[in-house]
């Protein structure tokens, strides 16, 4: 698989987990509609970035890197996200929500950052 497609796939996988988490939060009425709307907006932005990364547009690949860094930093500073990760076994739905949170906001963005560094380190040489 080409580097750009791999990075694009990570972004798309992240959107799937974010959509799953957003859906659970909305169906359980745990967040206001404005937060659901902002989740949808973020998903659309990530989807757009993934599209251009797949088309091998390097600047969009950098945009994906910035989104990945912001995702990890921002969500690490949110007490609700940290508390959810520390107490994941409240219910089955909550556990699925925590898994989608960890995958969408931490693991997949971290994988994007790591693969970006591996794939594009040769550009500096």
Foldseek 3Di string as FASTA:
>chain_A
DDLLLVLLVLLLVLLVLLVLLLVLCVVVVVDDVVVSVVSVVVSVVSNVLSVVSNVVDVVSLVVLLVVLVCLQVVLVPDPVLVVCLVPQVPDPSSVSSNVSSCSNRPDSSVVSNVSCCVVCVVVVD
